[in-house]
Structures are given as structure tokens and as C-alpha cells.
């Protein structure tokens, strides 16, 4: 199990679905100075491990991860332990696109094309999108972006957004995630960091902002329209 450029290790632990398993795992990881930075849990629905719990951890600081794996396998509730590359090194930073209508596809096309250009040079930028309609549906999705691992920027694509969506945009920006909005009716453009008329260009700008190589920074043009 090798360390990587991000300094993170990743383990997927297959365990019995019972009370106290997570406590036992986290206590043992603490003994090995493994500082947990991300955890994801689920119950496996089908296949060889159906009914068992899957706990995915990303951690740093552990000087002997092989010894940690051996110790984990000695816990009576643990079935298997698999080591992986962390998600950051595979999927990288995430551009999130939310909205409705044909604009969503156009923003996604611009973002994917620009991400492809950067990823061919060794970066990792992924694009996630979901077409949604309805004020509350979109507002809930905007709030959820703050809980998505590695989400770095949001693009809102549509022809009319405001009300609860604008409030959600303000909450998201306070969490440190900038928001790009298409030029549209409603109050959302007044609350976004950047307003872009062309949907394809909006996707391009979003990727350029999160790229390590690009010189574009939304903070430098905050509040402007393009």
C-alpha cells in the first residue's frame, strides 16, 4: 500500500452490520495515528457481500498502513479490507451543474470539453449534473452541494430561478463554494459570484476556475456579467 501525492490512504472495509462496528474501527485507526478525513457507509444490497456493511475511509498520518490493515482483519466483525487510491486522485475536484431545460446540456458540454483539455495534461476534474425543475427541488439540491465530497463550484442553468434558490445560493457561498449562474429571470443572478450569458462558456469558466493550470479566478471578476 503506497502513499500518493495527496498524502491520503483509502480503505474499503467489509464488516458485519451490527452496533459498535464503526466505533471499533475508528478506535483502532486512532491507535495507528490514522486521521480520518472522509468516511462513507452503506449496506451492500446484492452479491457476495449482500447484507454486510461497507465502510470507505480516507485518512492521512498513518506511518504503517499495512500494519493497520492486519490489525483491522483481526477484529471479529471485519470480513475483508481492500486498499484503494483515494477518490481525489481518481475523480479529482468536482464541477456541479444543476438546473432545467436545454441549458443544462450546454453547460455540461462546455465543462466536459474544458475538463478534457486539463485532464489530458494530468489533472483530475470531473463534471456532475442533474436536470431539475421546481423551486424547492433546486433549492434542496443547491444546499446539498455543500455536503458533496470534493465539490468545488456550482453552475445554475435555467431560465428562471429565485426565492428559496437564492437563499440556498447564499448559504452555499458561505461554505466557500462559488456559484456561477446563467443570465436568467429571477433573483439568482444577483446572488451568484458570476453571471454568464452563454451556457457553454459558463461551463468553461467553471472548469477554468477549479483548474490548477488556468489563470481564471472568479474572485477577480466577482459580481460581473459575461
C-alpha atoms as a PDB file:
ATOM      1  CA  UNK A   1       0.000   0.000   0.000  1.00  0.00           C
ATOM      2  CA  UNK A   2       1.763   3.104  -1.244  1.00  0.00           C
ATOM      3  CA  UNK A   3       1.288   6.710  -0.239  1.00  0.00           C
ATOM      4  CA  UNK A   4       0.263   9.092  -3.038  1.00  0.00           C
ATOM      5  CA  UNK A   5       0.757  12.725  -3.976  1.00  0.00           C
ATOM      6  CA  UNK A   6      -2.244  13.814  -1.911  1.00  0.00           C
ATOM      7  CA  UNK A   7      -0.870  12.188   1.244  1.00  0.00           C
ATOM      8  CA  UNK A   8      -4.080  10.176   1.617  1.00  0.00           C
ATOM      9  CA  UNK A   9      -4.704   6.469   2.053  1.00  0.00           C
ATOM     10  CA  UNK A  10      -8.020   4.793   1.266  1.00  0.00           C
ATOM     11  CA  UNK A  11      -9.546   1.608   2.668  1.00  0.00           C
ATOM     12  CA  UNK A  12     -12.858  -0.096   1.986  1.00  0.00           C
ATOM     13  CA  UNK A  13     -13.823  -2.260   4.952  1.00  0.00           C
ATOM     14  CA  UNK A  14     -16.443  -5.004   4.664  1.00  0.00           C
ATOM     15  CA  UNK A  15     -17.892  -5.734   8.101  1.00  0.00           C
ATOM     16  CA  UNK A  16     -20.835  -7.221   9.931  1.00  0.00           C
ATOM     17  CA  UNK A  17     -23.866  -4.940  10.044  1.00  0.00           C
ATOM     18  CA  UNK A  18     -24.089  -4.563  13.794  1.00  0.00           C
ATOM     19  CA  UNK A  19     -23.890  -1.963  16.542  1.00  0.00           C
ATOM     20  CA  UNK A  20     -20.422  -0.839  17.601  1.00  0.00           C
ATOM     21  CA  UNK A  21     -18.504  -1.857  14.469  1.00  0.00           C
ATOM     22  CA  UNK A  22     -17.752   1.710  13.411  1.00  0.00           C
ATOM     23  CA  UNK A  23     -16.613   2.536  16.947  1.00  0.00           C
ATOM     24  CA  UNK A  24     -14.188  -0.401  16.939  1.00  0.00           C
ATOM     25  CA  UNK A  25     -12.775   0.564  13.545  1.00  0.00           C
ATOM     26  CA  UNK A  26     -12.298   4.236  14.380  1.00  0.00           C
ATOM     27  CA  UNK A  27     -10.688   3.409  17.748  1.00  0.00           C
ATOM     28  CA  UNK A  28      -8.196   1.094  16.076  1.00  0.00           C
ATOM     29  CA  UNK A  29      -7.395   3.655  13.385  1.00  0.00           C
ATOM     30  CA  UNK A  30      -6.724   6.218  16.110  1.00  0.00           C
ATOM     31  CA  UNK A  31      -4.196   3.823  17.666  1.00  0.00           C
ATOM     32  CA  UNK A  32      -2.287   3.892  14.385  1.00  0.00           C
ATOM     33  CA  UNK A  33      -2.477   7.710  14.137  1.00  0.00           C
ATOM     34  CA  UNK A  34      -4.741   7.498  11.096  1.00  0.00           C
ATOM     35  CA  UNK A  35      -6.504  10.859  10.889  1.00  0.00           C
ATOM     36  CA  UNK A  36      -9.833  10.163   9.154  1.00  0.00           C
ATOM     37  CA  UNK A  37     -10.691  12.879   6.635  1.00  0.00           C
ATOM     38  CA  UNK A  38     -13.627  11.179   4.916  1.00  0.00           C
ATOM     39  CA  UNK A  39     -15.977   8.302   5.617  1.00  0.00           C
ATOM     40  CA  UNK A  40     -18.796   6.798   3.573  1.00  0.00           C
ATOM     41  CA  UNK A  41     -21.020   3.970   4.781  1.00  0.00           C
ATOM     42  CA  UNK A  42     -23.649   1.766   3.176  1.00  0.00           C
ATOM     43  CA  UNK A  43     -25.268  -1.662   3.386  1.00  0.00           C
ATOM     44  CA  UNK A  44     -24.412  -3.905   0.453  1.00  0.00           C
ATOM     45  CA  UNK A  45     -27.608  -4.859  -1.369  1.00  0.00           C
ATOM     46  CA  UNK A  46     -26.513  -7.777  -3.527  1.00  0.00           C
ATOM     47  CA  UNK A  47     -23.659 -10.039  -4.489  1.00  0.00           C
ATOM     48  CA  UNK A  48     -21.199 -11.983  -2.369  1.00  0.00           C
ATOM     49  CA  UNK A  49     -21.336  -9.473   0.499  1.00  0.00           C
ATOM     50  CA  UNK A  50     -25.093  -8.810   0.462  1.00  0.00           C
ATOM     51  CA  UNK A  51     -26.348  -7.670   3.874  1.00  0.00           C
ATOM     52  CA  UNK A  52     -22.891  -6.699   5.123  1.00  0.00           C
ATOM     53  CA  UNK A  53     -21.753  -3.145   5.816  1.00  0.00           C
ATOM     54  CA  UNK A  54     -19.301  -1.317   3.582  1.00  0.00           C
ATOM     55  CA  UNK A  55     -17.290   1.476   5.213  1.00  0.00           C
ATOM     56  CA  UNK A  56     -14.982   3.521   2.990  1.00  0.00           C
ATOM     57  CA  UNK A  57     -12.323   5.603   4.753  1.00  0.00           C
ATOM     58  CA  UNK A  58      -9.799   8.123   3.514  1.00  0.00           C
ATOM     59  CA  UNK A  59      -7.145   9.047   6.059  1.00  0.00           C
ATOM     60  CA  UNK A  60      -3.680  10.523   6.484  1.00  0.00           C
ATOM     61  CA  UNK A  61      -0.860  10.439   9.001  1.00  0.00           C
ATOM     62  CA  UNK A  62      -0.633   6.664   9.388  1.00  0.00           C
ATOM     63  CA  UNK A  63       3.032   5.603   9.260  1.00  0.00           C
ATOM     64  CA  UNK A  64       2.324   1.892   8.826  1.00  0.00           C
ATOM     65  CA  UNK A  65      -0.904   1.297   6.883  1.00  0.00           C
ATOM     66  CA  UNK A  66      -0.053  -2.376   6.262  1.00  0.00           C
ATOM     67  CA  UNK A  67       0.051  -2.994   9.996  1.00  0.00           C
ATOM     68  CA  UNK A  68      -3.261  -1.146  10.335  1.00  0.00           C
ATOM     69  CA  UNK A  69      -4.856  -3.450   7.752  1.00  0.00           C
ATOM     70  CA  UNK A  70      -3.567  -6.511   9.591  1.00  0.00           C
ATOM     71  CA  UNK A  71      -4.970  -5.198  12.868  1.00  0.00           C
ATOM     72  CA  UNK A  72      -8.339  -4.456  11.276  1.00  0.00           C
ATOM     73  CA  UNK A  73      -8.584  -8.000   9.953  1.00  0.00           C
ATOM     74  CA  UNK A  74      -8.130  -9.289  13.499  1.00  0.00           C
ATOM     75  CA  UNK A  75     -11.355  -7.610  14.616  1.00  0.00           C
ATOM     76  CA  UNK A  76     -14.069 -10.309  14.790  1.00  0.00           C
ATOM     77  CA  UNK A  77     -16.604  -8.147  12.923  1.00  0.00           C
ATOM     78  CA  UNK A  78     -14.372  -7.490   9.896  1.00  0.00           C
ATOM     79  CA  UNK A  79     -14.690  -9.711   6.826  1.00  0.00           C
ATOM     80  CA  UNK A  80     -12.435  -8.025   4.253  1.00  0.00           C
ATOM     81  CA  UNK A  81     -10.241  -4.940   3.901  1.00  0.00           C
ATOM     82  CA  UNK A  82      -9.382  -3.540   0.476  1.00  0.00           C
ATOM     83  CA  UNK A  83      -6.902  -0.733  -0.198  1.00  0.00           C
ATOM     84  CA  UNK A  84      -7.587   1.789  -2.974  1.00  0.00           C
ATOM     85  CA  UNK A  85      -6.381   5.013  -4.494  1.00  0.00           C
ATOM     86  CA  UNK A  86      -8.281   7.901  -2.837  1.00  0.00           C
ATOM     87  CA  UNK A  87     -11.181   9.353  -4.789  1.00  0.00           C
ATOM     88  CA  UNK A  88      -9.377  12.674  -5.174  1.00  0.00           C
ATOM     89  CA  UNK A  89      -6.635  11.086  -7.288  1.00  0.00           C
ATOM     90  CA  UNK A  90      -9.225   9.292  -9.458  1.00  0.00           C
ATOM     91  CA  UNK A  91     -12.068  11.759  -9.958  1.00  0.00           C
ATOM     92  CA  UNK A  92     -10.413  14.917  -8.657  1.00  0.00           C
ATOM     93  CA  UNK A  93     -12.279  18.119  -7.968  1.00  0.00           C
ATOM     94  CA  UNK A  94     -15.942  18.256  -8.986  1.00  0.00           C
ATOM     95  CA  UNK A  95     -17.917  20.781 -11.009  1.00  0.00           C
ATOM     96  CA  UNK A  96     -21.637  20.527 -10.186  1.00  0.00           C
ATOM     97  CA  UNK A  97     -24.309  21.650 -12.675  1.00  0.00           C
ATOM     98  CA  UNK A  98     -27.957  21.976 -11.596  1.00  0.00           C
ATOM     99  CA  UNK A  99     -30.951  23.304 -13.480  1.00  0.00           C
ATOM    100  CA  UNK A 100     -33.511  22.555 -16.138  1.00  0.00           C
ATOM    101  CA  UNK A 101     -34.012  22.810 -19.858  1.00  0.00           C
ATOM    102  CA  UNK A 102     -31.509  22.597 -22.708  1.00  0.00           C
ATOM    103  CA  UNK A 103     -29.129  24.979 -20.913  1.00  0.00           C
ATOM    104  CA  UNK A 104     -28.030  22.167 -18.601  1.00  0.00           C
ATOM    105  CA  UNK A 105     -26.748  20.091 -21.521  1.00  0.00           C
ATOM    106  CA  UNK A 106     -24.984  23.103 -23.000  1.00  0.00           C
ATOM    107  CA  UNK A 107     -23.231  23.968 -19.717  1.00  0.00           C
ATOM    108  CA  UNK A 108     -22.218  20.322 -19.291  1.00  0.00           C
ATOM    109  CA  UNK A 109     -20.813  20.208 -22.829  1.00  0.00           C
ATOM    110  CA  UNK A 110     -18.655  23.262 -22.195  1.00  0.00           C
ATOM    111  CA  UNK A 111     -17.478  21.909 -18.844  1.00  0.00           C
ATOM    112  CA  UNK A 112     -16.674  18.416 -20.133  1.00  0.00           C
ATOM    113  CA  UNK A 113     -14.775  19.730 -23.144  1.00  0.00           C
ATOM    114  CA  UNK A 114     -12.708  22.076 -20.965  1.00  0.00           C
ATOM    115  CA  UNK A 115     -12.124  19.385 -18.304  1.00  0.00           C
ATOM    116  CA  UNK A 116     -10.925  17.011 -21.015  1.00  0.00           C
ATOM    117  CA  UNK A 117      -8.297  19.543 -22.054  1.00  0.00           C
ATOM    118  CA  UNK A 118      -6.962  19.822 -18.483  1.00  0.00           C
ATOM    119  CA  UNK A 119      -7.220  16.112 -17.648  1.00  0.00           C
ATOM    120  CA  UNK A 120      -5.128  15.169 -20.683  1.00  0.00           C
ATOM    121  CA  UNK A 121      -2.361  17.176 -19.011  1.00  0.00           C
ATOM    122  CA  UNK A 122      -2.536  15.187 -15.807  1.00  0.00           C
ATOM    123  CA  UNK A 123      -5.219  16.942 -13.779  1.00  0.00           C
ATOM    124  CA  UNK A 124      -8.415  15.376 -12.462  1.00  0.00           C
ATOM    125  CA  UNK A 125     -11.614  17.382 -12.892  1.00  0.00           C
ATOM    126  CA  UNK A 126     -14.998  15.654 -13.040  1.00  0.00           C
ATOM    127  CA  UNK A 127     -18.381  17.061 -14.037  1.00  0.00           C
ATOM    128  CA  UNK A 128     -21.644  16.082 -12.332  1.00  0.00           C
ATOM    129  CA  UNK A 129     -25.030  17.283 -13.495  1.00  0.00           C
ATOM    130  CA  UNK A 130     -28.697  16.776 -12.692  1.00  0.00           C
ATOM    131  CA  UNK A 131     -31.655  18.338 -14.543  1.00  0.00           C
ATOM    132  CA  UNK A 132     -34.252  19.515 -12.016  1.00  0.00           C
ATOM    133  CA  UNK A 133     -37.419  21.610 -12.049  1.00  0.00           C
ATOM    134  CA  UNK A 134     -39.210  23.242  -9.138  1.00  0.00           C
ATOM    135  CA  UNK A 135     -38.079  25.915  -6.700  1.00  0.00           C
ATOM    136  CA  UNK A 136     -37.772  23.710  -3.632  1.00  0.00           C
ATOM    137  CA  UNK A 137     -36.261  20.803  -5.556  1.00  0.00           C
ATOM    138  CA  UNK A 138     -33.472  23.005  -6.882  1.00  0.00           C
ATOM    139  CA  UNK A 139     -33.010  24.780  -3.525  1.00  0.00           C
ATOM    140  CA  UNK A 140     -32.549  21.435  -1.740  1.00  0.00           C
ATOM    141  CA  UNK A 141     -30.045  20.360  -4.400  1.00  0.00           C
ATOM    142  CA  UNK A 142     -28.062  23.601  -4.005  1.00  0.00           C
ATOM    143  CA  UNK A 143     -27.910  23.092  -0.231  1.00  0.00           C
ATOM    144  CA  UNK A 144     -26.742  19.501  -0.783  1.00  0.00           C
ATOM    145  CA  UNK A 145     -23.732  20.613  -2.837  1.00  0.00           C
ATOM    146  CA  UNK A 146     -22.001  21.669   0.395  1.00  0.00           C
ATOM    147  CA  UNK A 147     -22.223  18.034   1.547  1.00  0.00           C
ATOM    148  CA  UNK A 148     -20.787  16.540  -1.638  1.00  0.00           C
ATOM    149  CA  UNK A 149     -17.199  15.353  -1.320  1.00  0.00           C
ATOM    150  CA  UNK A 150     -14.735  17.352  -3.451  1.00  0.00           C
ATOM    151  CA  UNK A 151     -17.425  19.685  -4.870  1.00  0.00           C
ATOM    152  CA  UNK A 152     -15.632  22.924  -5.743  1.00  0.00           C
ATOM    153  CA  UNK A 153     -18.033  25.030  -7.819  1.00  0.00           C
ATOM    154  CA  UNK A 154     -21.714  25.104  -8.799  1.00  0.00           C
ATOM    155  CA  UNK A 155     -23.276  26.237 -12.061  1.00  0.00           C
ATOM    156  CA  UNK A 156     -27.015  27.021 -12.061  1.00  0.00           C
ATOM    157  CA  UNK A 157     -28.524  26.622 -15.528  1.00  0.00           C
ATOM    158  CA  UNK A 158     -32.084  27.654 -16.317  1.00  0.00           C
ATOM    159  CA  UNK A 159     -34.337  30.459 -17.466  1.00  0.00           C
ATOM    160  CA  UNK A 160     -35.960  31.428 -14.142  1.00  0.00           C
ATOM    161  CA  UNK A 161     -34.641  30.963 -10.594  1.00  0.00           C
ATOM    162  CA  UNK A 162     -35.219  32.882  -7.399  1.00  0.00           C
ATOM    163  CA  UNK A 163     -36.878  32.743  -3.977  1.00  0.00           C
ATOM    164  CA  UNK A 164     -35.636  29.794  -1.938  1.00  0.00           C
ATOM    165  CA  UNK A 165     -32.990  29.037  -4.549  1.00  0.00           C
ATOM    166  CA  UNK A 166     -31.392  32.444  -3.989  1.00  0.00           C
ATOM    167  CA  UNK A 167     -31.343  31.797  -0.236  1.00  0.00           C
ATOM    168  CA  UNK A 168     -29.694  28.430  -0.829  1.00  0.00           C
ATOM    169  CA  UNK A 169     -27.088  30.090  -3.070  1.00  0.00           C
ATOM    170  CA  UNK A 170     -26.161  32.478  -0.260  1.00  0.00           C
ATOM    171  CA  UNK A 171     -25.804  29.587   2.177  1.00  0.00           C
ATOM    172  CA  UNK A 172     -23.621  27.661  -0.266  1.00  0.00           C
ATOM    173  CA  UNK A 173     -21.343  30.629  -0.897  1.00  0.00           C
ATOM    174  CA  UNK A 174     -20.805  30.972   2.861  1.00  0.00           C
ATOM    175  CA  UNK A 175     -19.449  27.417   2.824  1.00  0.00           C
ATOM    176  CA  UNK A 176     -16.754  28.519   0.377  1.00  0.00           C
ATOM    177  CA  UNK A 177     -18.211  27.123  -2.854  1.00  0.00           C
ATOM    178  CA  UNK A 178     -18.629  29.773  -5.586  1.00  0.00           C
ATOM    179  CA  UNK A 179     -21.728  29.861  -7.785  1.00  0.00           C
ATOM    180  CA  UNK A 180     -21.939  30.634 -11.497  1.00  0.00           C
ATOM    181  CA  UNK A 181     -25.406  31.418 -12.884  1.00  0.00           C
ATOM    182  CA  UNK A 182     -26.669  31.842 -16.395  1.00  0.00           C
ATOM    183  CA  UNK A 183     -28.214  35.196 -17.218  1.00  0.00           C
ATOM    184  CA  UNK A 184     -31.852  34.489 -16.402  1.00  0.00           C
ATOM    185  CA  UNK A 185     -35.032  35.931 -14.927  1.00  0.00           C
ATOM    186  CA  UNK A 186     -35.383  35.864 -11.154  1.00  0.00           C
ATOM    187  CA  UNK A 187     -33.133  36.900  -8.301  1.00  0.00           C
ATOM    188  CA  UNK A 188     -30.463  34.172  -8.510  1.00  0.00           C
ATOM    189  CA  UNK A 189     -28.105  36.176 -10.782  1.00  0.00           C
ATOM    190  CA  UNK A 190     -27.964  38.916  -8.098  1.00  0.00           C
ATOM    191  CA  UNK A 191     -26.662  36.380  -5.581  1.00  0.00           C
ATOM    192  CA  UNK A 192     -24.210  34.468  -7.808  1.00  0.00           C
ATOM    193  CA  UNK A 193     -20.473  35.116  -7.954  1.00  0.00           C
ATOM    194  CA  UNK A 194     -20.519  35.298 -11.741  1.00  0.00           C
ATOM    195  CA  UNK A 195     -23.275  35.618 -14.361  1.00  0.00           C
ATOM    196  CA  UNK A 196     -22.632  34.262 -17.864  1.00  0.00           C
ATOM    197  CA  UNK A 197     -24.893  34.652 -20.883  1.00  0.00           C
ATOM    198  CA  UNK A 198     -23.576  31.767 -22.963  1.00  0.00           C
ATOM    199  CA  UNK A 199     -24.178  28.349 -21.296  1.00  0.00           C
ATOM    200  CA  UNK A 200     -21.207  26.677 -22.962  1.00  0.00           C
ATOM    201  CA  UNK A 201     -18.917  29.450 -21.756  1.00  0.00           C
ATOM    202  CA  UNK A 202     -20.359  29.116 -18.252  1.00  0.00           C
ATOM    203  CA  UNK A 203     -19.178  25.501 -18.143  1.00  0.00           C
ATOM    204  CA  UNK A 204     -15.771  26.515 -19.449  1.00  0.00           C
ATOM    205  CA  UNK A 205     -15.372  29.253 -16.829  1.00  0.00           C
ATOM    206  CA  UNK A 206     -16.353  26.856 -14.026  1.00  0.00           C
ATOM    207  CA  UNK A 207     -13.669  24.353 -15.007  1.00  0.00           C
ATOM    208  CA  UNK A 208     -11.063  27.062 -15.531  1.00  0.00           C
ATOM    209  CA  UNK A 209     -11.718  28.334 -12.007  1.00  0.00           C
ATOM    210  CA  UNK A 210     -11.025  24.940 -10.370  1.00  0.00           C
ATOM    211  CA  UNK A 211      -8.099  24.048 -12.623  1.00  0.00           C
ATOM    212  CA  UNK A 212      -4.605  24.300 -11.173  1.00  0.00           C
ATOM    213  CA  UNK A 213      -3.219  25.400 -14.535  1.00  0.00           C
ATOM    214  CA  UNK A 214      -5.732  28.059 -15.616  1.00  0.00           C
ATOM    215  CA  UNK A 215      -5.274  31.719 -14.760  1.00  0.00           C
ATOM    216  CA  UNK A 216      -9.010  32.451 -14.475  1.00  0.00           C
ATOM    217  CA  UNK A 217     -10.212  33.208 -10.943  1.00  0.00           C
ATOM    218  CA  UNK A 218     -13.850  34.047 -10.213  1.00  0.00           C
ATOM    219  CA  UNK A 219     -12.791  36.204  -7.262  1.00  0.00           C
ATOM    220  CA  UNK A 220     -11.151  38.631  -9.682  1.00  0.00           C
ATOM    221  CA  UNK A 221     -14.369  39.134 -11.673  1.00  0.00           C
ATOM    222  CA  UNK A 222     -16.878  38.611  -8.879  1.00  0.00           C
ATOM    223  CA  UNK A 223     -20.226  40.309  -9.497  1.00  0.00           C
ATOM    224  CA  UNK A 224     -19.630  40.848 -13.205  1.00  0.00           C
ATOM    225  CA  UNK A 225     -21.630  39.592 -16.193  1.00  0.00           C
ATOM    226  CA  UNK A 226     -20.133  37.993 -19.283  1.00  0.00           C
END
